[in-house]
Amino acid sequence: MAFDKSLDKELFGDTAEFETTRLRVSVFSYNDGTPKLQISRENRNMDSGDWTFAKMGRLTKAELEAIIPFIERAKEKL
């Protein structure tokens, strides 16, 4: 079965933006299934200013402190 974007519902989402990167904490439920937490990273292209998807990788202390409140609020949707 192929992924169908129309069946993927975002139950929660919030974004922390920094100078060159942003982190998004979301809760999604696919086809009314079990809600799951997703943390994603996007990096800003310094030439064009566009945001591009990047591997999550490691977090700095500032990044972690910024998203912990989002994770706490996301827990209520799980």
PDB file of N, CA and C in Angstrom:
ATOM      1  N   MET A   1       0.840  -1.176   0.000  1.00  0.00           N
ATOM      2  CA  MET A   1       0.000   0.000   0.000  1.00  0.00           C
ATOM      3  C   MET A   1       0.890   1.246   0.000  1.00  0.00           C
ATOM      4  N   ALA A   2       0.653   2.133  -0.917  1.00  0.00           N
ATOM      5  CA  ALA A   2       1.438   3.359  -1.033  1.00  0.00           C
ATOM      6  C   ALA A   2       0.929   4.412  -0.047  1.00  0.00           C
ATOM      7  N   PHE A   3       1.817   5.299   0.341  1.00  0.00           N
ATOM      8  CA  PHE A   3       1.468   6.386   1.250  1.00  0.00           C
ATOM      9  C   PHE A   3       0.499   7.332   0.557  1.00  0.00           C
ATOM     10  N   ASP A   4      -0.565   7.704   1.249  1.00  0.00           N
ATOM     11  CA  ASP A   4      -1.572   8.635   0.731  1.00  0.00           C
ATOM     12  C   ASP A   4      -1.609   9.848   1.653  1.00  0.00           C
ATOM     13  N   LYS A   5      -1.087  10.968   1.184  1.00  0.00           N
ATOM     14  CA  LYS A   5      -0.983  12.191   1.995  1.00  0.00           C
ATOM     15  C   LYS A   5      -2.349  12.637   2.533  1.00  0.00           C
ATOM     16  N   SER A   6      -3.418  12.363   1.819  1.00  0.00           N
ATOM     17  CA  SER A   6      -4.748  12.803   2.260  1.00  0.00           C
ATOM     18  C   SER A   6      -5.211  12.055   3.517  1.00  0.00           C
ATOM     19  N   LEU A   7      -4.599  10.914   3.832  1.00  0.00           N
ATOM     20  CA  LEU A   7      -4.956  10.146   5.024  1.00  0.00           C
ATOM     21  C   LEU A   7      -4.110  10.532   6.243  1.00  0.00           C
ATOM     22  N   ASP A   8      -3.107  11.384   6.040  1.00  0.00           N
ATOM     23  CA  ASP A   8      -2.193  11.790   7.100  1.00  0.00           C
ATOM     24  C   ASP A   8      -2.710  13.086   7.730  1.00  0.00           C
ATOM     25  N   LYS A   9      -3.146  13.011   8.991  1.00  0.00           N
ATOM     26  CA  LYS A   9      -3.721  14.175   9.663  1.00  0.00           C
ATOM     27  C   LYS A   9      -2.773  14.688  10.737  1.00  0.00           C
ATOM     28  N   GLU A  10      -2.487  15.994  10.692  1.00  0.00           N
ATOM     29  CA  GLU A  10      -1.651  16.617  11.708  1.00  0.00           C
ATOM     30  C   GLU A  10      -2.529  17.029  12.881  1.00  0.00           C
ATOM     31  N   LEU A  11      -2.253  16.457  14.059  1.00  0.00           N
ATOM     32  CA  LEU A  11      -3.023  16.739  15.260  1.00  0.00           C
ATOM     33  C   LEU A  11      -2.404  17.864  16.088  1.00  0.00           C
ATOM     34  N   PHE A  12      -1.120  18.097  15.897  1.00  0.00           N
ATOM     35  CA  PHE A  12      -0.396  19.145  16.623  1.00  0.00           C
ATOM     36  C   PHE A  12       0.836  19.517  15.817  1.00  0.00           C
ATOM     37  N   GLY A  13       1.227  20.767  15.883  1.00  0.00           N
ATOM     38  CA  GLY A  13       2.465  21.186  15.241  1.00  0.00           C
ATOM     39  C   GLY A  13       2.917  22.543  15.742  1.00  0.00           C
ATOM     40  N   ASP A  14       4.205  22.666  15.998  1.00  0.00           N
ATOM     41  CA  ASP A  14       4.791  23.940  16.388  1.00  0.00           C
ATOM     42  C   ASP A  14       6.246  23.956  15.922  1.00  0.00           C
ATOM     43  N   THR A  15       6.740  25.152  15.601  1.00  0.00           N
ATOM     44  CA  THR A  15       8.070  25.286  15.016  1.00  0.00           C
ATOM     45  C   THR A  15       8.925  26.256  15.811  1.00  0.00           C
ATOM     46  N   ALA A  16      10.175  25.868  16.032  1.00  0.00           N
ATOM     47  CA  ALA A  16      11.176  26.754  16.641  1.00  0.00           C
ATOM     48  C   ALA A  16      12.157  27.133  15.540  1.00  0.00           C
ATOM     49  N   GLU A  17      12.315  28.439  15.320  1.00  0.00           N
ATOM     50  CA  GLU A  17      13.182  28.906  14.242  1.00  0.00           C
ATOM     51  C   GLU A  17      14.428  29.567  14.819  1.00  0.00           C
ATOM     52  N   PHE A  18      15.563  29.247  14.211  1.00  0.00           N
ATOM     53  CA  PHE A  18      16.851  29.796  14.584  1.00  0.00           C
ATOM     54  C   PHE A  18      17.423  30.490  13.356  1.00  0.00           C
ATOM     55  N   GLU A  19      18.648  30.976  13.457  1.00  0.00           N
ATOM     56  CA  GLU A  19      19.242  31.741  12.352  1.00  0.00           C
ATOM     57  C   GLU A  19      19.305  30.947  11.049  1.00  0.00           C
ATOM     58  N   THR A  20      19.803  29.730  11.104  1.00  0.00           N
ATOM     59  CA  THR A  20      19.994  28.959   9.864  1.00  0.00           C
ATOM     60  C   THR A  20      19.229  27.643   9.843  1.00  0.00           C
ATOM     61  N   THR A  21      18.473  27.358  10.881  1.00  0.00           N
ATOM     62  CA  THR A  21      17.742  26.093  10.929  1.00  0.00           C
ATOM     63  C   THR A  21      16.417  26.285  11.651  1.00  0.00           C
ATOM     64  N   ARG A  22      15.489  25.396  11.402  1.00  0.00           N
ATOM     65  CA  ARG A  22      14.251  25.385  12.174  1.00  0.00           C
ATOM     66  C   ARG A  22      13.855  23.940  12.448  1.00  0.00           C
ATOM     67  N   LEU A  23      13.237  23.750  13.614  1.00  0.00           N
ATOM     68  CA  LEU A  23      12.813  22.433  14.059  1.00  0.00           C
ATOM     69  C   LEU A  23      11.302  22.443  14.212  1.00  0.00           C
ATOM     70  N   ARG A  24      10.655  21.406  13.734  1.00  0.00           N
ATOM     71  CA  ARG A  24       9.204  21.298  13.840  1.00  0.00           C
ATOM     72  C   ARG A  24       8.868  20.042  14.620  1.00  0.00           C
ATOM     73  N   VAL A  25       8.049  20.205  15.655  1.00  0.00           N
ATOM     74  CA  VAL A  25       7.537  19.089  16.445  1.00  0.00           C
ATOM     75  C   VAL A  25       6.076  18.928  16.051  1.00  0.00           C
ATOM     76  N   SER A  26       5.726  17.734  15.586  1.00  0.00           N
ATOM     77  CA  SER A  26       4.367  17.470  15.116  1.00  0.00           C
ATOM     78  C   SER A  26       3.870  16.137  15.648  1.00  0.00           C
ATOM     79  N   VAL A  27       2.554  16.010  15.687  1.00  0.00           N
ATOM     80  CA  VAL A  27       1.916  14.720  15.949  1.00  0.00           C
ATOM     81  C   VAL A  27       1.012  14.435  14.760  1.00  0.00           C
ATOM     82  N   PHE A  28       1.206  13.272  14.154  1.00  0.00           N
ATOM     83  CA  PHE A  28       0.415  12.865  13.000  1.00  0.00           C
ATOM     84  C   PHE A  28      -0.296  11.551  13.287  1.00  0.00           C
ATOM     85  N   SER A  29      -1.468  11.408  12.687  1.00  0.00           N
ATOM     86  CA  SER A  29      -2.201  10.150  12.719  1.00  0.00           C
ATOM     87  C   SER A  29      -2.490   9.770  11.273  1.00  0.00           C
ATOM     88  N   TYR A  30      -2.014   8.603  10.864  1.00  0.00           N
ATOM     89  CA  TYR A  30      -2.241   8.145   9.499  1.00  0.00           C
ATOM     90  C   TYR A  30      -3.445   7.217   9.456  1.00  0.00           C
ATOM     91  N   ASN A  31      -4.428   7.565   8.644  1.00  0.00           N
ATOM     92  CA  ASN A  31      -5.639   6.753   8.455  1.00  0.00           C
ATOM     93  C   ASN A  31      -6.314   6.482   9.802  1.00  0.00           C
ATOM     94  N   ASP A  32      -6.390   7.509  10.661  1.00  0.00           N
ATOM     95  CA  ASP A  32      -6.993   7.431  11.997  1.00  0.00           C
ATOM     96  C   ASP A  32      -6.319   6.387  12.885  1.00  0.00           C
ATOM     97  N   GLY A  33      -5.048   6.127  12.625  1.00  0.00           N
ATOM     98  CA  GLY A  33      -4.290   5.168  13.423  1.00  0.00           C
ATOM     99  C   GLY A  33      -3.685   5.825  14.656  1.00  0.00           C
ATOM    100  N   THR A  34      -2.759   5.127  15.264  1.00  0.00           N
ATOM    101  CA  THR A  34      -2.088   5.601  16.471  1.00  0.00           C
ATOM    102  C   THR A  34      -1.346   6.905  16.186  1.00  0.00           C
ATOM    103  N   PRO A  35      -1.592   7.958  16.966  1.00  0.00           N
ATOM    104  CA  PRO A  35      -0.848   9.206  16.778  1.00  0.00           C
ATOM    105  C   PRO A  35       0.628   8.994  17.109  1.00  0.00           C
ATOM    106  N   LYS A  36       1.498   9.641  16.306  1.00  0.00           N
ATOM    107  CA  LYS A  36       2.937   9.489  16.486  1.00  0.00           C
ATOM    108  C   LYS A  36       3.616  10.850  16.417  1.00  0.00           C
ATOM    109  N   LEU A  37       4.661  10.996  17.233  1.00  0.00           N
ATOM    110  CA  LEU A  37       5.445  12.227  17.296  1.00  0.00           C
ATOM    111  C   LEU A  37       6.465  12.246  16.168  1.00  0.00           C
ATOM    112  N   GLN A  38       6.616  13.403  15.547  1.00  0.00           N
ATOM    113  CA  GLN A  38       7.631  13.584  14.504  1.00  0.00           C
ATOM    114  C   GLN A  38       8.398  14.867  14.803  1.00  0.00           C
ATOM    115  N   ILE A  39       9.722  14.795  14.745  1.00  0.00           N
ATOM    116  CA  ILE A  39      10.565  15.973  14.872  1.00  0.00           C
ATOM    117  C   ILE A  39      11.365  16.080  13.582  1.00  0.00           C
ATOM    118  N   SER A  40      11.250  17.220  12.912  1.00  0.00           N
ATOM    119  CA  SER A  40      11.959  17.392  11.645  1.00  0.00           C
ATOM    120  C   SER A  40      12.784  18.672  11.667  1.00  0.00           C
ATOM    121  N   ARG A  41      13.795  18.697  10.817  1.00  0.00           N
ATOM    122  CA  ARG A  41      14.707  19.839  10.711  1.00  0.00           C
ATOM    123  C   ARG A  41      14.721  20.329   9.270  1.00  0.00           C
ATOM    124  N   GLU A  42      14.766  21.649   9.118  1.00  0.00           N
ATOM    125  CA  GLU A  42      14.988  22.273   7.823  1.00  0.00           C
ATOM    126  C   GLU A  42      16.113  23.282   7.980  1.00  0.00           C
ATOM    127  N   ASN A  43      16.983  23.343   6.992  1.00  0.00           N
ATOM    128  CA  ASN A  43      18.083  24.302   6.994  1.00  0.00           C
ATOM    129  C   ASN A  43      17.839  25.356   5.927  1.00  0.00           C
ATOM    130  N   ARG A  44      18.256  26.592   6.228  1.00  0.00           N
ATOM    131  CA  ARG A  44      18.088  27.689   5.273  1.00  0.00           C
ATOM    132  C   ARG A  44      19.285  27.729   4.323  1.00  0.00           C
ATOM    133  N   ASN A  45      18.981  27.781   3.033  1.00  0.00           N
ATOM    134  CA  ASN A  45      20.014  27.964   2.028  1.00  0.00           C
ATOM    135  C   ASN A  45      20.419  29.435   2.077  1.00  0.00           C
ATOM    136  N   MET A  46      21.665  29.719   2.405  1.00  0.00           N
ATOM    137  CA  MET A  46      22.103  31.099   2.598  1.00  0.00           C
ATOM    138  C   MET A  46      22.078  31.916   1.309  1.00  0.00           C
ATOM    139  N   ASP A  47      22.179  31.258   0.150  1.00  0.00           N
ATOM    140  CA  ASP A  47      22.143  31.986  -1.125  1.00  0.00           C
ATOM    141  C   ASP A  47      20.728  32.399  -1.505  1.00  0.00           C
ATOM    142  N   SER A  48      19.795  31.447  -1.428  1.00  0.00           N
ATOM    143  CA  SER A  48      18.431  31.725  -1.879  1.00  0.00           C
ATOM    144  C   SER A  48      17.470  32.058  -0.737  1.00  0.00           C
ATOM    145  N   GLY A  49      17.827  31.661   0.482  1.00  0.00           N
ATOM    146  CA  GLY A  49      16.925  31.880   1.612  1.00  0.00           C
ATOM    147  C   GLY A  49      15.852  30.822   1.748  1.00  0.00           C
ATOM    148  N   ASP A  50      15.834  29.848   0.835  1.00  0.00           N
ATOM    149  CA  ASP A  50      14.835  28.774   0.864  1.00  0.00           C
ATOM    150  C   ASP A  50      15.152  27.767   1.961  1.00  0.00           C
ATOM    151  N   TRP A  51      14.115  27.135   2.483  1.00  0.00           N
ATOM    152  CA  TRP A  51      14.274  26.083   3.489  1.00  0.00           C
ATOM    153  C   TRP A  51      14.312  24.731   2.792  1.00  0.00           C
ATOM    154  N   THR A  52      15.244  23.872   3.214  1.00  0.00           N
ATOM    155  CA  THR A  52      15.341  22.525   2.659  1.00  0.00           C
ATOM    156  C   THR A  52      15.392  21.501   3.784  1.00  0.00           C
ATOM    157  N   PHE A  53      14.765  20.359   3.558  1.00  0.00           N
ATOM    158  CA  PHE A  53      14.740  19.275   4.529  1.00  0.00           C
ATOM    159  C   PHE A  53      16.162  18.790   4.805  1.00  0.00           C
ATOM    160  N   ALA A  54      16.427  18.466   6.061  1.00  0.00           N
ATOM    161  CA  ALA A  54      17.733  17.933   6.457  1.00  0.00           C
ATOM    162  C   ALA A  54      17.521  16.794   7.447  1.00  0.00           C
ATOM    163  N   LYS A  55      18.512  15.932   7.569  1.00  0.00           N
ATOM    164  CA  LYS A  55      18.443  14.884   8.585  1.00  0.00           C
ATOM    165  C   LYS A  55      18.360  15.539   9.955  1.00  0.00           C
ATOM    166  N   MET A  56      17.659  14.896  10.865  1.00  0.00           N
ATOM    167  CA  MET A  56      17.480  15.462  12.196  1.00  0.00           C
ATOM    168  C   MET A  56      18.813  15.657  12.895  1.00  0.00           C
ATOM    169  N   GLY A  57      19.657  14.650  12.911  1.00  0.00           N
ATOM    170  CA  GLY A  57      20.973  14.765  13.505  1.00  0.00           C
ATOM    171  C   GLY A  57      20.943  15.089  14.988  1.00  0.00           C
ATOM    172  N   ARG A  58      21.944  15.776  15.447  1.00  0.00           N
ATOM    173  CA  ARG A  58      22.089  16.110  16.860  1.00  0.00           C
ATOM    174  C   ARG A  58      21.503  17.481  17.135  1.00  0.00           C
ATOM    175  N   LEU A  59      21.126  17.694  18.406  1.00  0.00           N
ATOM    176  CA  LEU A  59      20.552  18.968  18.828  1.00  0.00           C
ATOM    177  C   LEU A  59      21.528  19.726  19.716  1.00  0.00           C
ATOM    178  N   THR A  60      21.550  21.042  19.543  1.00  0.00           N
ATOM    179  CA  THR A  60      22.295  21.869  20.486  1.00  0.00           C
ATOM    180  C   THR A  60      21.433  22.039  21.732  1.00  0.00           C
ATOM    181  N   LYS A  61      22.045  22.543  22.800  1.00  0.00           N
ATOM    182  CA  LYS A  61      21.285  22.781  24.024  1.00  0.00           C
ATOM    183  C   LYS A  61      20.171  23.787  23.776  1.00  0.00           C
ATOM    184  N   ALA A  62      20.443  24.843  23.019  1.00  0.00           N
ATOM    185  CA  ALA A  62      19.429  25.860  22.720  1.00  0.00           C
ATOM    186  C   ALA A  62      18.259  25.256  21.937  1.00  0.00           C
ATOM    187  N   GLU A  63      18.563  24.382  20.973  1.00  0.00           N
ATOM    188  CA  GLU A  63      17.504  23.733  20.197  1.00  0.00           C
ATOM    189  C   GLU A  63      16.651  22.848  21.092  1.00  0.00           C
ATOM    190  N   LEU A  64      17.306  22.070  21.940  1.00  0.00           N
ATOM    191  CA  LEU A  64      16.586  21.181  22.847  1.00  0.00           C
ATOM    192  C   LEU A  64      15.678  21.973  23.785  1.00  0.00           C
ATOM    193  N   GLU A  65      16.217  23.039  24.372  1.00  0.00           N
ATOM    194  CA  GLU A  65      15.417  23.856  25.289  1.00  0.00           C
ATOM    195  C   GLU A  65      14.228  24.496  24.585  1.00  0.00           C
ATOM    196  N   ALA A  66      14.371  24.808  23.294  1.00  0.00           N
ATOM    197  CA  ALA A  66      13.282  25.421  22.543  1.00  0.00           C
ATOM    198  C   ALA A  66      12.160  24.434  22.233  1.00  0.00           C
ATOM    199  N   ILE A  67      12.502  23.165  21.998  1.00  0.00           N
ATOM    200  CA  ILE A  67      11.453  22.219  21.597  1.00  0.00           C
ATOM    201  C   ILE A  67      10.870  21.400  22.746  1.00  0.00           C
ATOM    202  N   ILE A  68      11.509  21.386  23.906  1.00  0.00           N
ATOM    203  CA  ILE A  68      10.956  20.623  25.035  1.00  0.00           C
ATOM    204  C   ILE A  68       9.520  21.043  25.358  1.00  0.00           C
ATOM    205  N   PRO A  69       9.191  22.347  25.400  1.00  0.00           N
ATOM    206  CA  PRO A  69       7.789  22.706  25.655  1.00  0.00           C
ATOM    207  C   PRO A  69       6.834  22.199  24.565  1.00  0.00           C
ATOM    208  N   PHE A  70       7.307  22.164  23.319  1.00  0.00           N
ATOM    209  CA  PHE A  70       6.476  21.643  22.226  1.00  0.00           C
ATOM    210  C   PHE A  70       6.225  20.145  22.426  1.00  0.00           C
ATOM    211  N   ILE A  71       7.257  19.416  22.838  1.00  0.00           N
ATOM    212  CA  ILE A  71       7.125  17.978  23.067  1.00  0.00           C
ATOM    213  C   ILE A  71       6.142  17.719  24.205  1.00  0.00           C
ATOM    214  N   GLU A  72       6.226  18.521  25.259  1.00  0.00           N
ATOM    215  CA  GLU A  72       5.286  18.375  26.380  1.00  0.00           C
ATOM    216  C   GLU A  72       3.839  18.579  25.913  1.00  0.00           C
ATOM    217  N   ARG A  73       3.618  19.605  25.085  1.00  0.00           N
ATOM    218  CA  ARG A  73       2.260  19.840  24.576  1.00  0.00           C
ATOM    219  C   ARG A  73       1.841  18.746  23.594  1.00  0.00           C
ATOM    220  N   ALA A  74       2.780  18.244  22.817  1.00  0.00           N
ATOM    221  CA  ALA A  74       2.488  17.177  21.857  1.00  0.00           C
ATOM    222  C   ALA A  74       2.074  15.895  22.570  1.00  0.00           C
ATOM    223  N   LYS A  75       2.654  15.644  23.759  1.00  0.00           N
ATOM    224  CA  LYS A  75       2.329  14.433  24.516  1.00  0.00           C
ATOM    225  C   LYS A  75       0.829  14.322  24.782  1.00  0.00           C
ATOM    226  N   GLU A  76       0.158  15.458  24.957  1.00  0.00           N
ATOM    227  CA  GLU A  76      -1.270  15.451  25.228  1.00  0.00           C
ATOM    228  C   GLU A  76      -2.076  14.896  24.050  1.00  0.00           C
ATOM    229  N   LYS A  77      -1.499  14.916  22.852  1.00  0.00           N
ATOM    230  CA  LYS A  77      -2.195  14.430  21.654  1.00  0.00           C
ATOM    231  C   LYS A  77      -1.896  12.964  21.358  1.00  0.00           C
ATOM    232  N   LEU A  78      -0.968  12.382  22.126  1.00  0.00           N
ATOM    233  CA  LEU A  78      -0.588  10.970  21.883  1.00  0.00           C
ATOM    234  C   LEU A  78      -1.497  10.025  22.640  1.00  0.00           C
TER     235      LEU A  78
END
